Amino acid sequence: MRTDILRKTALTAAGLAFTGGALAAPATAFAAPAEKPAVSITTDRKHGERELGVRYEAQPNFYYCGPAAARNALSVQGKNIDVHAMAKEMGTTEAGTNSINDITPVLNKQTGKDVYHSVEIRDRAADDKQTDKLRADVIKAVDEGRAVVANIAGTATDTNGNSHSFEGGHYISVVGYRDGGNTVTIADSANPDTASYRMNIDNLADWIATRGYTA
């Protein structure tokens, strides 16, 4: 795990698939002053690479993955927003957060601009056009200093060969890219032991399939 990208807490957590959420032990954010903006810690435009600094925080319960993903996403802009306040705005319950459409308006409100837009991948697997759009959306958002939030379901494999399984659904943040957007960096609130990992864009697109993302 790239601990220089996401600062891991000392807590551990057992993963648990659930509708709209995944179990994690409570964690304390390593937050800098809210007025100090997060900065890109890696920028290499020549090789198509950029990653944003995240003030990572694990979700405090099994159903807060939506608010936690949004909180982590906003942290790259230097915002430190209480995850419980985020959950209230999104209408999150023990059944989770209904859809990406409940997260987009909250991100826009906190950003102060109408920059986030929901994108659905309704099919069971993403086609080339949908994957290309996801790649372009991630690059555009990260280049503008914003993280993408994605609603995923099922199992996907990262670039190290590790599987991440959320059969009931989950939300993650995409905070960077490399190889011209063919590989992305994910901030995952489910478990601070796997807070950061990279994934091929094709795998991510298929992970999002039947759901959506906001960028």
N, C-alpha and C. Protein backbone atom coordinates (compact mmCIF):
# COMPACT_ATOMS: atom_id res chain seq x y z
N MET A 1 0.83 -1.19 0.00
CA MET A 1 0.00 0.00 0.00
C MET A 1 0.87 1.24 0.00
N ARG A 2 0.48 2.28 -0.75
CA ARG A 2 1.24 3.50 -0.82
C ARG A 2 0.89 4.37 0.37
N THR A 3 1.64 4.24 1.47
CA THR A 3 1.34 5.03 2.66
C THR A 3 1.68 6.48 2.48
N ASP A 4 2.43 6.84 1.40
CA ASP A 4 2.68 8.25 1.15
C ASP A 4 1.50 8.91 0.48
N ILE A 5 0.55 8.12 0.00
CA ILE A 5 -0.66 8.67 -0.62
C ILE A 5 -1.77 8.73 0.42
N LEU A 6 -2.03 7.64 1.09
CA LEU A 6 -3.07 7.58 2.09
C LEU A 6 -2.44 7.17 3.40
N ARG A 7 -2.63 7.96 4.44
CA ARG A 7 -2.01 7.68 5.72
C ARG A 7 -2.90 6.73 6.50
N LYS A 8 -2.39 5.52 6.74
CA LYS A 8 -3.18 4.44 7.32
C LYS A 8 -3.31 4.60 8.83
N THR A 9 -4.50 4.34 9.37
CA THR A 9 -4.67 4.32 10.81
C THR A 9 -4.14 3.01 11.36
N ALA A 10 -4.04 2.93 12.67
CA ALA A 10 -3.51 1.71 13.29
C ALA A 10 -4.60 0.68 13.52
N LEU A 11 -5.83 1.02 13.17
CA LEU A 11 -6.94 0.10 13.39
C LEU A 11 -7.02 -0.93 12.29
N THR A 12 -7.60 -2.07 12.60
CA THR A 12 -7.88 -3.08 11.59
C THR A 12 -9.38 -3.28 11.52
N ALA A 13 -9.84 -3.88 10.42
CA ALA A 13 -11.28 -4.10 10.25
C ALA A 13 -11.51 -5.32 9.42
N ALA A 14 -12.60 -6.01 9.68
CA ALA A 14 -12.98 -7.17 8.87
C ALA A 14 -13.92 -6.72 7.79
N GLY A 15 -13.68 -7.14 6.55
CA GLY A 15 -14.54 -6.74 5.45
C GLY A 15 -15.85 -7.51 5.50
N LEU A 16 -16.95 -6.80 5.19
CA LEU A 16 -18.25 -7.44 5.18
C LEU A 16 -19.10 -6.82 4.10
N ALA A 17 -19.53 -7.64 3.12
CA ALA A 17 -20.39 -7.12 2.07
C ALA A 17 -21.77 -6.87 2.64
N PHE A 18 -22.37 -5.74 2.27
CA PHE A 18 -23.70 -5.39 2.75
C PHE A 18 -24.29 -4.44 1.74
N THR A 19 -25.58 -4.23 1.77
CA THR A 19 -26.22 -3.34 0.82
C THR A 19 -25.75 -1.92 1.06
N GLY A 20 -25.00 -1.38 0.08
CA GLY A 20 -24.56 0.00 0.16
C GLY A 20 -23.46 0.25 1.15
N GLY A 21 -22.83 -0.76 1.73
CA GLY A 21 -21.81 -0.47 2.72
C GLY A 21 -20.87 -1.63 2.95
N ALA A 22 -19.79 -1.35 3.67
CA ALA A 22 -18.84 -2.38 4.07
C ALA A 22 -18.33 -2.04 5.45
N LEU A 23 -18.14 -3.05 6.27
CA LEU A 23 -17.78 -2.85 7.66
C LEU A 23 -16.36 -2.34 7.80
N ALA A 24 -16.18 -1.40 8.71
CA ALA A 24 -14.85 -0.93 9.06
C ALA A 24 -14.87 -0.45 10.49
N ALA A 25 -13.76 -0.61 11.19
CA ALA A 25 -13.65 -0.08 12.53
C ALA A 25 -13.54 1.42 12.48
N PRO A 26 -13.97 2.14 13.54
CA PRO A 26 -13.83 3.59 13.54
C PRO A 26 -12.38 3.99 13.40
N ALA A 27 -12.15 5.10 12.71
CA ALA A 27 -10.80 5.59 12.54
C ALA A 27 -10.78 7.10 12.68
N THR A 28 -9.66 7.63 13.08
CA THR A 28 -9.52 9.06 13.23
C THR A 28 -8.80 9.63 12.02
N ALA A 29 -9.33 10.71 11.47
CA ALA A 29 -8.72 11.32 10.31
C ALA A 29 -7.42 12.02 10.70
N PHE A 30 -6.43 11.93 9.84
CA PHE A 30 -5.20 12.70 10.01
C PHE A 30 -5.40 13.97 9.20
N ALA A 31 -6.12 14.92 9.75
CA ALA A 31 -6.55 16.07 8.98
C ALA A 31 -5.66 17.28 9.25
N ALA A 32 -5.24 17.91 8.17
CA ALA A 32 -4.56 19.18 8.28
C ALA A 32 -5.62 20.26 8.46
N PRO A 33 -5.26 21.49 8.79
CA PRO A 33 -6.24 22.56 8.91
C PRO A 33 -7.10 22.66 7.66
N ALA A 34 -8.39 22.87 7.87
CA ALA A 34 -9.32 22.82 6.75
C ALA A 34 -9.01 23.85 5.68
N GLU A 35 -8.42 24.99 6.08
CA GLU A 35 -8.18 26.04 5.10
C GLU A 35 -6.97 25.75 4.23
N LYS A 36 -6.15 24.77 4.60
CA LYS A 36 -4.97 24.44 3.82
C LYS A 36 -5.34 23.41 2.76
N PRO A 37 -5.27 23.75 1.48
CA PRO A 37 -5.71 22.83 0.44
C PRO A 37 -4.79 21.63 0.32
N ALA A 38 -5.38 20.48 -0.01
CA ALA A 38 -4.57 19.31 -0.32
C ALA A 38 -3.85 19.55 -1.63
N VAL A 39 -2.71 18.95 -1.81
CA VAL A 39 -1.94 19.17 -3.03
C VAL A 39 -1.70 17.85 -3.73
N SER A 40 -1.43 17.94 -5.00
CA SER A 40 -1.05 16.74 -5.74
C SER A 40 0.35 16.35 -5.30
N ILE A 41 0.51 15.12 -4.84
CA ILE A 41 1.82 14.71 -4.37
C ILE A 41 2.63 14.06 -5.48
N THR A 42 1.97 13.73 -6.57
CA THR A 42 2.68 13.16 -7.71
C THR A 42 2.09 13.74 -8.99
N THR A 43 2.92 14.38 -9.78
CA THR A 43 2.46 14.91 -11.06
C THR A 43 3.53 14.65 -12.10
N ASP A 44 3.17 13.92 -13.14
CA ASP A 44 4.08 13.63 -14.23
C ASP A 44 3.26 13.59 -15.51
N ARG A 45 3.01 14.77 -16.04
CA ARG A 45 2.14 14.86 -17.21
C ARG A 45 2.75 14.18 -18.44
N LYS A 46 4.09 14.16 -18.53
CA LYS A 46 4.73 13.54 -19.67
C LYS A 46 4.36 12.08 -19.78
N HIS A 47 4.24 11.41 -18.64
CA HIS A 47 3.90 9.99 -18.64
C HIS A 47 2.44 9.75 -18.24
N GLY A 48 1.64 10.81 -18.23
CA GLY A 48 0.22 10.65 -17.94
C GLY A 48 -0.05 10.17 -16.54
N GLU A 49 0.50 10.88 -15.53
CA GLU A 49 0.35 10.43 -14.15
C GLU A 49 0.04 11.60 -13.24
N ARG A 50 -0.93 11.39 -12.36
CA ARG A 50 -1.21 12.40 -11.33
C ARG A 50 -1.99 11.75 -10.20
N GLU A 51 -1.62 12.06 -8.96
CA GLU A 51 -2.36 11.57 -7.80
C GLU A 51 -2.55 12.70 -6.80
N LEU A 52 -3.70 12.71 -6.16
CA LEU A 52 -4.06 13.76 -5.23
C LEU A 52 -3.85 13.30 -3.79
N GLY A 53 -3.49 14.24 -2.92
CA GLY A 53 -3.30 13.93 -1.51
C GLY A 53 -4.64 13.75 -0.82
N VAL A 54 -4.80 12.68 -0.08
CA VAL A 54 -6.06 12.36 0.60
C VAL A 54 -5.85 12.39 2.11
N ARG A 55 -6.72 13.05 2.82
CA ARG A 55 -6.74 12.95 4.28
C ARG A 55 -7.70 11.82 4.63
N TYR A 56 -7.17 10.62 4.60
CA TYR A 56 -7.99 9.42 4.66
C TYR A 56 -8.67 9.23 6.01
N GLU A 57 -9.90 8.72 5.95
CA GLU A 57 -10.65 8.32 7.14
C GLU A 57 -11.48 7.10 6.80
N ALA A 58 -11.39 6.05 7.61
CA ALA A 58 -12.21 4.86 7.40
C ALA A 58 -13.65 5.13 7.84
N GLN A 59 -14.57 4.41 7.25
CA GLN A 59 -15.97 4.57 7.63
C GLN A 59 -16.20 4.00 9.03
N PRO A 60 -17.07 4.63 9.83
CA PRO A 60 -17.24 4.21 11.22
C PRO A 60 -18.18 3.03 11.41
N ASN A 61 -18.91 2.63 10.36
CA ASN A 61 -19.83 1.50 10.47
C ASN A 61 -20.02 0.88 9.09
N PHE A 62 -20.82 -0.20 9.03
CA PHE A 62 -20.91 -0.96 7.77
C PHE A 62 -21.70 -0.25 6.68
N TYR A 63 -22.48 0.77 7.02
CA TYR A 63 -23.36 1.37 6.01
C TYR A 63 -22.99 2.80 5.63
N TYR A 64 -21.86 3.29 6.12
CA TYR A 64 -21.45 4.67 5.84
C TYR A 64 -20.46 4.78 4.69
N CYS A 65 -20.38 3.79 3.82
CA CYS A 65 -19.37 3.86 2.77
C CYS A 65 -19.62 5.01 1.80
N GLY A 66 -20.89 5.35 1.54
CA GLY A 66 -21.19 6.47 0.66
C GLY A 66 -20.70 7.80 1.22
N PRO A 67 -21.13 8.15 2.44
CA PRO A 67 -20.63 9.39 3.05
C PRO A 67 -19.12 9.39 3.23
N ALA A 68 -18.53 8.24 3.59
CA ALA A 68 -17.09 8.18 3.81
C ALA A 68 -16.33 8.38 2.50
N ALA A 69 -16.81 7.79 1.42
CA ALA A 69 -16.17 7.98 0.12
C ALA A 69 -16.23 9.44 -0.31
N ALA A 70 -17.38 10.08 -0.06
CA ALA A 70 -17.52 11.49 -0.40
C ALA A 70 -16.62 12.35 0.47
N ARG A 71 -16.52 12.02 1.77
CA ARG A 71 -15.66 12.78 2.67
C ARG A 71 -14.20 12.67 2.23
N ASN A 72 -13.76 11.44 1.90
CA ASN A 72 -12.39 11.27 1.44
C ASN A 72 -12.15 12.01 0.12
N ALA A 73 -13.15 11.99 -0.76
CA ALA A 73 -13.02 12.69 -2.03
C ALA A 73 -12.87 14.19 -1.82
N LEU A 74 -13.67 14.76 -0.95
CA LEU A 74 -13.61 16.20 -0.69
C LEU A 74 -12.34 16.60 0.05
N SER A 75 -11.73 15.65 0.75
CA SER A 75 -10.52 15.97 1.49
C SER A 75 -9.37 16.37 0.58
N VAL A 76 -9.39 15.95 -0.68
CA VAL A 76 -8.31 16.32 -1.59
C VAL A 76 -8.38 17.81 -1.92
N GLN A 77 -9.53 18.43 -1.66
CA GLN A 77 -9.68 19.87 -1.86
C GLN A 77 -9.45 20.65 -0.57
N GLY A 78 -8.97 19.97 0.46
CA GLY A 78 -8.70 20.64 1.72
C GLY A 78 -9.91 20.77 2.61
N LYS A 79 -11.02 20.07 2.27
CA LYS A 79 -12.24 20.16 3.06
C LYS A 79 -12.27 19.04 4.11
N ASN A 80 -12.68 19.37 5.30
CA ASN A 80 -12.76 18.39 6.39
C ASN A 80 -14.20 18.39 6.90
N ILE A 81 -15.03 17.55 6.32
CA ILE A 81 -16.47 17.55 6.58
C ILE A 81 -16.85 16.34 7.41
N ASP A 82 -17.65 16.54 8.42
CA ASP A 82 -18.07 15.47 9.31
C ASP A 82 -18.87 14.42 8.53
N VAL A 83 -18.48 13.16 8.69
CA VAL A 83 -19.11 12.10 7.92
C VAL A 83 -20.57 11.91 8.30
N HIS A 84 -20.94 12.20 9.55
CA HIS A 84 -22.33 12.06 9.97
C HIS A 84 -23.20 13.13 9.31
N ALA A 85 -22.65 14.32 9.14
CA ALA A 85 -23.38 15.37 8.43
C ALA A 85 -23.58 14.99 6.97
N MET A 86 -22.56 14.37 6.39
CA MET A 86 -22.68 13.92 5.01
C MET A 86 -23.77 12.86 4.88
N ALA A 87 -23.79 11.93 5.83
CA ALA A 87 -24.79 10.85 5.79
C ALA A 87 -26.20 11.41 5.86
N LYS A 88 -26.39 12.41 6.70
CA LYS A 88 -27.72 13.01 6.85
C LYS A 88 -28.16 13.65 5.54
N GLU A 89 -27.25 14.34 4.89
CA GLU A 89 -27.59 15.00 3.62
C GLU A 89 -27.91 13.99 2.53
N MET A 90 -27.26 12.83 2.58
CA MET A 90 -27.46 11.82 1.54
C MET A 90 -28.64 10.89 1.81
N GLY A 91 -29.24 11.02 2.99
CA GLY A 91 -30.33 10.14 3.34
C GLY A 91 -29.86 8.72 3.62
N THR A 92 -28.64 8.57 4.07
CA THR A 92 -28.07 7.24 4.34
C THR A 92 -28.73 6.59 5.54
N THR A 93 -29.08 5.32 5.40
CA THR A 93 -29.66 4.53 6.49
C THR A 93 -28.84 3.25 6.64
N GLU A 94 -29.29 2.35 7.49
CA GLU A 94 -28.59 1.07 7.63
C GLU A 94 -28.66 0.23 6.36
N ALA A 95 -29.53 0.62 5.44
CA ALA A 95 -29.58 -0.04 4.13
C ALA A 95 -28.56 0.57 3.18
N GLY A 96 -27.84 1.59 3.64
CA GLY A 96 -26.82 2.22 2.81
C GLY A 96 -27.30 3.52 2.19
N THR A 97 -26.59 3.96 1.15
CA THR A 97 -26.94 5.16 0.38
C THR A 97 -27.50 4.69 -0.95
N ASN A 98 -28.68 5.15 -1.30
CA ASN A 98 -29.43 4.57 -2.41
C ASN A 98 -28.67 4.48 -3.72
N SER A 99 -28.11 5.60 -4.17
CA SER A 99 -27.43 5.58 -5.48
C SER A 99 -26.45 6.74 -5.56
N ILE A 100 -25.68 6.74 -6.63
CA ILE A 100 -24.72 7.82 -6.86
C ILE A 100 -25.44 9.16 -7.00
N ASN A 101 -26.71 9.13 -7.39
CA ASN A 101 -27.48 10.36 -7.55
C ASN A 101 -27.74 11.07 -6.22
N ASP A 102 -27.57 10.36 -5.11
CA ASP A 102 -27.71 10.99 -3.80
C ASP A 102 -26.40 11.63 -3.34
N ILE A 103 -25.31 11.27 -3.99
CA ILE A 103 -24.00 11.79 -3.62
C ILE A 103 -23.62 13.01 -4.45
N THR A 104 -23.98 13.02 -5.73
CA THR A 104 -23.61 14.11 -6.62
C THR A 104 -24.02 15.49 -6.10
N PRO A 105 -25.29 15.70 -5.69
CA PRO A 105 -25.66 17.04 -5.22
C PRO A 105 -24.93 17.48 -3.96
N VAL A 106 -24.57 16.53 -3.11
CA VAL A 106 -23.84 16.87 -1.88
C VAL A 106 -22.42 17.31 -2.22
N LEU A 107 -21.79 16.61 -3.16
CA LEU A 107 -20.45 17.02 -3.60
C LEU A 107 -20.48 18.41 -4.22
N ASN A 108 -21.48 18.68 -5.03
CA ASN A 108 -21.60 20.00 -5.66
C ASN A 108 -21.83 21.09 -4.62
N LYS A 109 -22.64 20.79 -3.63
CA LYS A 109 -22.90 21.76 -2.57
C LYS A 109 -21.62 22.09 -1.81
N GLN A 110 -20.86 21.06 -1.46
CA GLN A 110 -19.64 21.28 -0.69
C GLN A 110 -18.52 21.89 -1.54
N THR A 111 -18.54 21.61 -2.83
CA THR A 111 -17.55 22.18 -3.74
C THR A 111 -17.89 23.62 -4.07
N GLY A 112 -19.17 23.94 -4.00
CA GLY A 112 -19.61 25.30 -4.31
C GLY A 112 -19.80 25.55 -5.79
N LYS A 113 -19.72 24.49 -6.58
CA LYS A 113 -19.89 24.61 -8.02
C LYS A 113 -20.64 23.39 -8.54
N ASP A 114 -21.28 23.56 -9.69
CA ASP A 114 -22.00 22.45 -10.31
C ASP A 114 -21.05 21.70 -11.22
N VAL A 115 -20.05 21.05 -10.61
CA VAL A 115 -19.00 20.39 -11.40
C VAL A 115 -19.16 18.88 -11.47
N TYR A 116 -19.84 18.30 -10.49
CA TYR A 116 -20.02 16.84 -10.48
C TYR A 116 -21.29 16.45 -11.23
N HIS A 117 -21.19 15.39 -12.00
CA HIS A 117 -22.34 14.89 -12.76
C HIS A 117 -22.36 13.36 -12.67
N SER A 118 -23.54 12.81 -12.42
CA SER A 118 -23.69 11.36 -12.32
C SER A 118 -23.63 10.71 -13.69
N VAL A 119 -22.95 9.58 -13.76
CA VAL A 119 -22.86 8.80 -15.00
C VAL A 119 -23.22 7.36 -14.65
N GLU A 120 -24.19 6.79 -15.36
CA GLU A 120 -24.60 5.42 -15.09
C GLU A 120 -23.97 4.46 -16.10
N ILE A 121 -23.60 3.28 -15.63
CA ILE A 121 -23.22 2.17 -16.51
C ILE A 121 -24.25 1.08 -16.22
N ARG A 122 -25.29 1.03 -17.00
CA ARG A 122 -26.44 0.19 -16.68
C ARG A 122 -26.24 -1.27 -17.03
N ASP A 123 -25.34 -1.56 -17.95
CA ASP A 123 -25.15 -2.94 -18.39
C ASP A 123 -24.41 -3.75 -17.33
N ARG A 124 -24.40 -5.06 -17.51
CA ARG A 124 -23.72 -5.95 -16.57
C ARG A 124 -22.21 -5.87 -16.70
N ALA A 125 -21.73 -5.40 -17.82
CA ALA A 125 -20.30 -5.17 -18.04
C ALA A 125 -20.16 -3.91 -18.89
N ALA A 126 -19.11 -3.14 -18.63
CA ALA A 126 -18.90 -1.91 -19.38
C ALA A 126 -18.37 -2.22 -20.78
N ASP A 127 -18.86 -1.49 -21.78
CA ASP A 127 -18.31 -1.65 -23.12
C ASP A 127 -17.15 -0.66 -23.31
N ASP A 128 -16.53 -0.69 -24.47
CA ASP A 128 -15.35 0.15 -24.71
C ASP A 128 -15.67 1.63 -24.60
N LYS A 129 -16.83 2.02 -25.09
CA LYS A 129 -17.22 3.43 -25.05
C LYS A 129 -17.39 3.91 -23.61
N GLN A 130 -18.03 3.08 -22.79
CA GLN A 130 -18.23 3.44 -21.38
C GLN A 130 -16.90 3.49 -20.63
N THR A 131 -16.01 2.55 -20.94
CA THR A 131 -14.70 2.54 -20.30
C THR A 131 -13.88 3.76 -20.70
N ASP A 132 -13.94 4.12 -21.98
CA ASP A 132 -13.22 5.30 -22.46
C ASP A 132 -13.74 6.56 -21.79
N LYS A 133 -15.04 6.64 -21.59
CA LYS A 133 -15.61 7.82 -20.93
C LYS A 133 -15.17 7.88 -19.47
N LEU A 134 -15.18 6.73 -18.80
CA LEU A 134 -14.72 6.70 -17.41
C LEU A 134 -13.27 7.17 -17.32
N ARG A 135 -12.42 6.68 -18.21
CA ARG A 135 -11.01 7.09 -18.21
C ARG A 135 -10.90 8.61 -18.39
N ALA A 136 -11.63 9.14 -19.37
CA ALA A 136 -11.58 10.57 -19.63
C ALA A 136 -12.12 11.38 -18.46
N ASP A 137 -13.18 10.88 -17.83
CA ASP A 137 -13.76 11.58 -16.69
C ASP A 137 -12.82 11.60 -15.49
N VAL A 138 -12.13 10.48 -15.24
CA VAL A 138 -11.17 10.42 -14.14
C VAL A 138 -10.03 11.39 -14.39
N ILE A 139 -9.48 11.39 -15.59
CA ILE A 139 -8.36 12.28 -15.92
C ILE A 139 -8.78 13.73 -15.75
N LYS A 140 -9.94 14.09 -16.28
CA LYS A 140 -10.41 15.48 -16.21
C LYS A 140 -10.60 15.91 -14.75
N ALA A 141 -11.27 15.07 -13.96
CA ALA A 141 -11.54 15.42 -12.58
C ALA A 141 -10.25 15.57 -11.78
N VAL A 142 -9.36 14.59 -11.89
CA VAL A 142 -8.11 14.63 -11.12
C VAL A 142 -7.25 15.81 -11.56
N ASP A 143 -7.19 16.08 -12.86
CA ASP A 143 -6.43 17.23 -13.33
C ASP A 143 -6.98 18.55 -12.79
N GLU A 144 -8.28 18.56 -12.48
CA GLU A 144 -8.91 19.75 -11.90
C GLU A 144 -8.84 19.75 -10.38
N GLY A 145 -8.17 18.73 -9.81
CA GLY A 145 -8.01 18.66 -8.36
C GLY A 145 -9.18 18.07 -7.63
N ARG A 146 -9.98 17.24 -8.34
CA ARG A 146 -11.16 16.62 -7.73
C ARG A 146 -11.05 15.11 -7.80
N ALA A 147 -11.59 14.44 -6.80
CA ALA A 147 -11.66 12.98 -6.81
C ALA A 147 -13.01 12.53 -7.37
N VAL A 148 -13.04 11.36 -7.95
CA VAL A 148 -14.27 10.74 -8.45
C VAL A 148 -14.81 9.80 -7.38
N VAL A 149 -16.13 9.74 -7.24
CA VAL A 149 -16.76 8.77 -6.34
C VAL A 149 -17.53 7.77 -7.19
N ALA A 150 -17.31 6.48 -6.90
CA ALA A 150 -17.94 5.43 -7.70
C ALA A 150 -18.72 4.47 -6.81
N ASN A 151 -19.87 4.03 -7.31
CA ASN A 151 -20.69 3.01 -6.66
C ASN A 151 -20.38 1.69 -7.37
N ILE A 152 -19.84 0.74 -6.63
CA ILE A 152 -19.40 -0.52 -7.25
C ILE A 152 -20.14 -1.70 -6.62
N ALA A 153 -20.05 -2.85 -7.27
CA ALA A 153 -20.65 -4.07 -6.74
C ALA A 153 -19.92 -5.28 -7.31
N GLY A 154 -19.80 -6.31 -6.50
CA GLY A 154 -19.16 -7.54 -6.95
C GLY A 154 -17.69 -7.59 -6.55
N THR A 155 -16.90 -8.30 -7.32
CA THR A 155 -15.49 -8.52 -7.01
C THR A 155 -14.62 -8.01 -8.14
N ALA A 156 -13.55 -7.32 -7.78
CA ALA A 156 -12.58 -6.84 -8.77
C ALA A 156 -11.18 -7.09 -8.23
N THR A 157 -10.22 -7.20 -9.15
CA THR A 157 -8.84 -7.49 -8.79
C THR A 157 -7.97 -6.27 -9.06
N ASP A 158 -7.12 -5.93 -8.08
CA ASP A 158 -6.24 -4.77 -8.26
C ASP A 158 -4.97 -5.17 -8.99
N THR A 159 -4.06 -4.22 -9.18
CA THR A 159 -2.86 -4.47 -9.97
C THR A 159 -1.86 -5.38 -9.26
N ASN A 160 -2.04 -5.59 -7.96
CA ASN A 160 -1.20 -6.53 -7.23
C ASN A 160 -1.78 -7.93 -7.18
N GLY A 161 -2.93 -8.12 -7.82
CA GLY A 161 -3.57 -9.43 -7.84
C GLY A 161 -4.47 -9.70 -6.66
N ASN A 162 -4.72 -8.69 -5.83
CA ASN A 162 -5.59 -8.86 -4.67
C ASN A 162 -7.04 -8.61 -5.07
N SER A 163 -7.95 -9.43 -4.54
CA SER A 163 -9.37 -9.28 -4.83
C SER A 163 -10.05 -8.41 -3.78
N HIS A 164 -10.99 -7.60 -4.25
CA HIS A 164 -11.80 -6.75 -3.37
C HIS A 164 -13.26 -7.07 -3.67
N SER A 165 -13.96 -7.58 -2.68
CA SER A 165 -15.30 -8.11 -2.91
C SER A 165 -16.34 -7.38 -2.06
N PHE A 166 -17.34 -6.84 -2.74
CA PHE A 166 -18.47 -6.17 -2.10
C PHE A 166 -19.73 -6.56 -2.86
N GLU A 167 -20.21 -7.76 -2.60
CA GLU A 167 -21.33 -8.29 -3.37
C GLU A 167 -22.59 -7.46 -3.17
N GLY A 168 -22.76 -6.86 -2.00
CA GLY A 168 -23.96 -6.07 -1.76
C GLY A 168 -23.84 -4.63 -2.17
N GLY A 169 -22.66 -4.23 -2.64
CA GLY A 169 -22.46 -2.85 -3.07
C GLY A 169 -21.56 -2.08 -2.13
N HIS A 170 -20.93 -1.03 -2.67
CA HIS A 170 -19.96 -0.26 -1.91
C HIS A 170 -19.68 1.03 -2.67
N TYR A 171 -19.11 2.03 -1.99
CA TYR A 171 -18.67 3.27 -2.62
C TYR A 171 -17.18 3.47 -2.37
N ILE A 172 -16.47 3.94 -3.38
CA ILE A 172 -15.05 4.20 -3.29
C ILE A 172 -14.74 5.57 -3.90
N SER A 173 -13.55 6.07 -3.63
CA SER A 173 -13.07 7.30 -4.26
C SER A 173 -11.92 6.96 -5.20
N VAL A 174 -11.88 7.61 -6.34
CA VAL A 174 -10.77 7.48 -7.28
C VAL A 174 -9.98 8.77 -7.22
N VAL A 175 -8.72 8.68 -6.79
CA VAL A 175 -7.96 9.88 -6.45
C VAL A 175 -6.71 10.10 -7.30
N GLY A 176 -6.52 9.26 -8.30
CA GLY A 176 -5.35 9.45 -9.15
C GLY A 176 -5.36 8.52 -10.34
N TYR A 177 -4.42 8.77 -11.25
CA TYR A 177 -4.28 7.91 -12.42
C TYR A 177 -2.83 7.88 -12.86
N ARG A 178 -2.49 6.86 -13.62
CA ARG A 178 -1.17 6.76 -14.24
C ARG A 178 -1.32 6.02 -15.55
N ASP A 179 -0.24 5.92 -16.32
CA ASP A 179 -0.28 5.23 -17.63
C ASP A 179 -1.37 5.81 -18.52
N GLY A 180 -1.48 7.15 -18.50
CA GLY A 180 -2.47 7.80 -19.35
C GLY A 180 -3.90 7.50 -18.98
N GLY A 181 -4.13 7.12 -17.71
CA GLY A 181 -5.48 6.82 -17.25
C GLY A 181 -5.84 5.36 -17.33
N ASN A 182 -4.93 4.51 -17.78
CA ASN A 182 -5.22 3.07 -17.86
C ASN A 182 -5.16 2.40 -16.49
N THR A 183 -4.52 3.05 -15.52
CA THR A 183 -4.48 2.57 -14.15
C THR A 183 -4.92 3.70 -13.24
N VAL A 184 -5.75 3.40 -12.25
CA VAL A 184 -6.25 4.42 -11.34
C VAL A 184 -5.90 4.06 -9.90
N THR A 185 -5.84 5.08 -9.05
CA THR A 185 -5.60 4.88 -7.62
C THR A 185 -6.91 5.06 -6.87
N ILE A 186 -7.21 4.10 -6.01
CA ILE A 186 -8.48 4.08 -5.29
C ILE A 186 -8.24 4.31 -3.80
N ALA A 187 -9.07 5.14 -3.20
CA ALA A 187 -9.13 5.29 -1.74
C ALA A 187 -10.39 4.56 -1.29
N ASP A 188 -10.21 3.56 -0.43
CA ASP A 188 -11.31 2.69 -0.01
C ASP A 188 -11.50 2.79 1.50
N SER A 189 -12.67 3.27 1.91
CA SER A 189 -12.94 3.52 3.33
C SER A 189 -13.27 2.26 4.11
N ALA A 190 -13.43 1.11 3.44
CA ALA A 190 -13.91 -0.10 4.11
C ALA A 190 -12.95 -0.63 5.16
N ASN A 191 -11.66 -0.55 4.88
CA ASN A 191 -10.68 -1.17 5.76
C ASN A 191 -9.38 -0.38 5.67
N PRO A 192 -8.92 0.22 6.77
CA PRO A 192 -7.69 1.01 6.71
C PRO A 192 -6.46 0.20 6.35
N ASP A 193 -6.51 -1.13 6.47
CA ASP A 193 -5.39 -1.96 6.05
C ASP A 193 -5.27 -2.02 4.54
N THR A 194 -6.36 -1.75 3.84
CA THR A 194 -6.34 -1.70 2.37
C THR A 194 -6.91 -0.36 1.92
N ALA A 195 -6.41 0.70 2.52
CA ALA A 195 -6.95 2.04 2.26
C ALA A 195 -6.66 2.50 0.85
N SER A 196 -5.57 2.05 0.27
CA SER A 196 -5.18 2.50 -1.06
C SER A 196 -4.70 1.33 -1.91
N TYR A 197 -5.18 1.28 -3.15
CA TYR A 197 -4.70 0.29 -4.11
C TYR A 197 -4.95 0.81 -5.51
N ARG A 198 -4.29 0.19 -6.46
CA ARG A 198 -4.46 0.60 -7.86
C ARG A 198 -5.20 -0.49 -8.63
N MET A 199 -5.88 -0.05 -9.69
CA MET A 199 -6.69 -0.97 -10.48
C MET A 199 -6.69 -0.55 -11.93
N ASN A 200 -6.71 -1.53 -12.82
CA ASN A 200 -6.84 -1.25 -14.24
C ASN A 200 -8.20 -0.62 -14.51
N ILE A 201 -8.24 0.34 -15.42
CA ILE A 201 -9.49 1.07 -15.69
C ILE A 201 -10.58 0.14 -16.20
N ASP A 202 -10.22 -0.91 -16.93
CA ASP A 202 -11.22 -1.86 -17.42
C ASP A 202 -11.88 -2.60 -16.27
N ASN A 203 -11.08 -3.00 -15.29
CA ASN A 203 -11.62 -3.69 -14.12
C ASN A 203 -12.53 -2.76 -13.33
N LEU A 204 -12.12 -1.50 -13.19
CA LEU A 204 -12.95 -0.55 -12.46
C LEU A 204 -14.28 -0.32 -13.17
N ALA A 205 -14.24 -0.18 -14.49
CA ALA A 205 -15.46 0.05 -15.25
C ALA A 205 -16.44 -1.11 -15.07
N ASP A 206 -15.94 -2.33 -15.11
CA ASP A 206 -16.81 -3.50 -14.91
C ASP A 206 -17.30 -3.58 -13.47
N TRP A 207 -16.51 -3.10 -12.53
CA TRP A 207 -16.90 -3.07 -11.12
C TRP A 207 -18.05 -2.09 -10.91
N ILE A 208 -18.04 -1.01 -11.66
CA ILE A 208 -19.10 0.01 -11.58
C ILE A 208 -20.36 -0.44 -12.32
N ALA A 209 -20.22 -1.35 -13.27
CA ALA A 209 -21.33 -1.77 -14.12
C ALA A 209 -22.56 -2.15 -13.28
N THR A 210 -23.71 -1.77 -13.77
CA THR A 210 -25.05 -1.86 -13.17
C THR A 210 -25.29 -0.72 -12.18
N ARG A 211 -24.26 0.11 -11.93
CA ARG A 211 -24.38 1.23 -11.00
C ARG A 211 -23.88 2.50 -11.68
N GLY A 212 -23.09 3.29 -11.01
CA GLY A 212 -22.64 4.53 -11.62
C GLY A 212 -21.56 5.22 -10.81
N TYR A 213 -21.13 6.37 -11.32
CA TYR A 213 -20.10 7.16 -10.65
C TYR A 213 -20.42 8.64 -10.84
N THR A 214 -19.73 9.50 -10.09
CA THR A 214 -19.90 10.94 -10.25
C THR A 214 -18.54 11.57 -10.40
N ALA A 215 -18.40 12.41 -11.41
CA ALA A 215 -17.10 13.00 -11.73
C ALA A 215 -17.28 14.45 -12.21
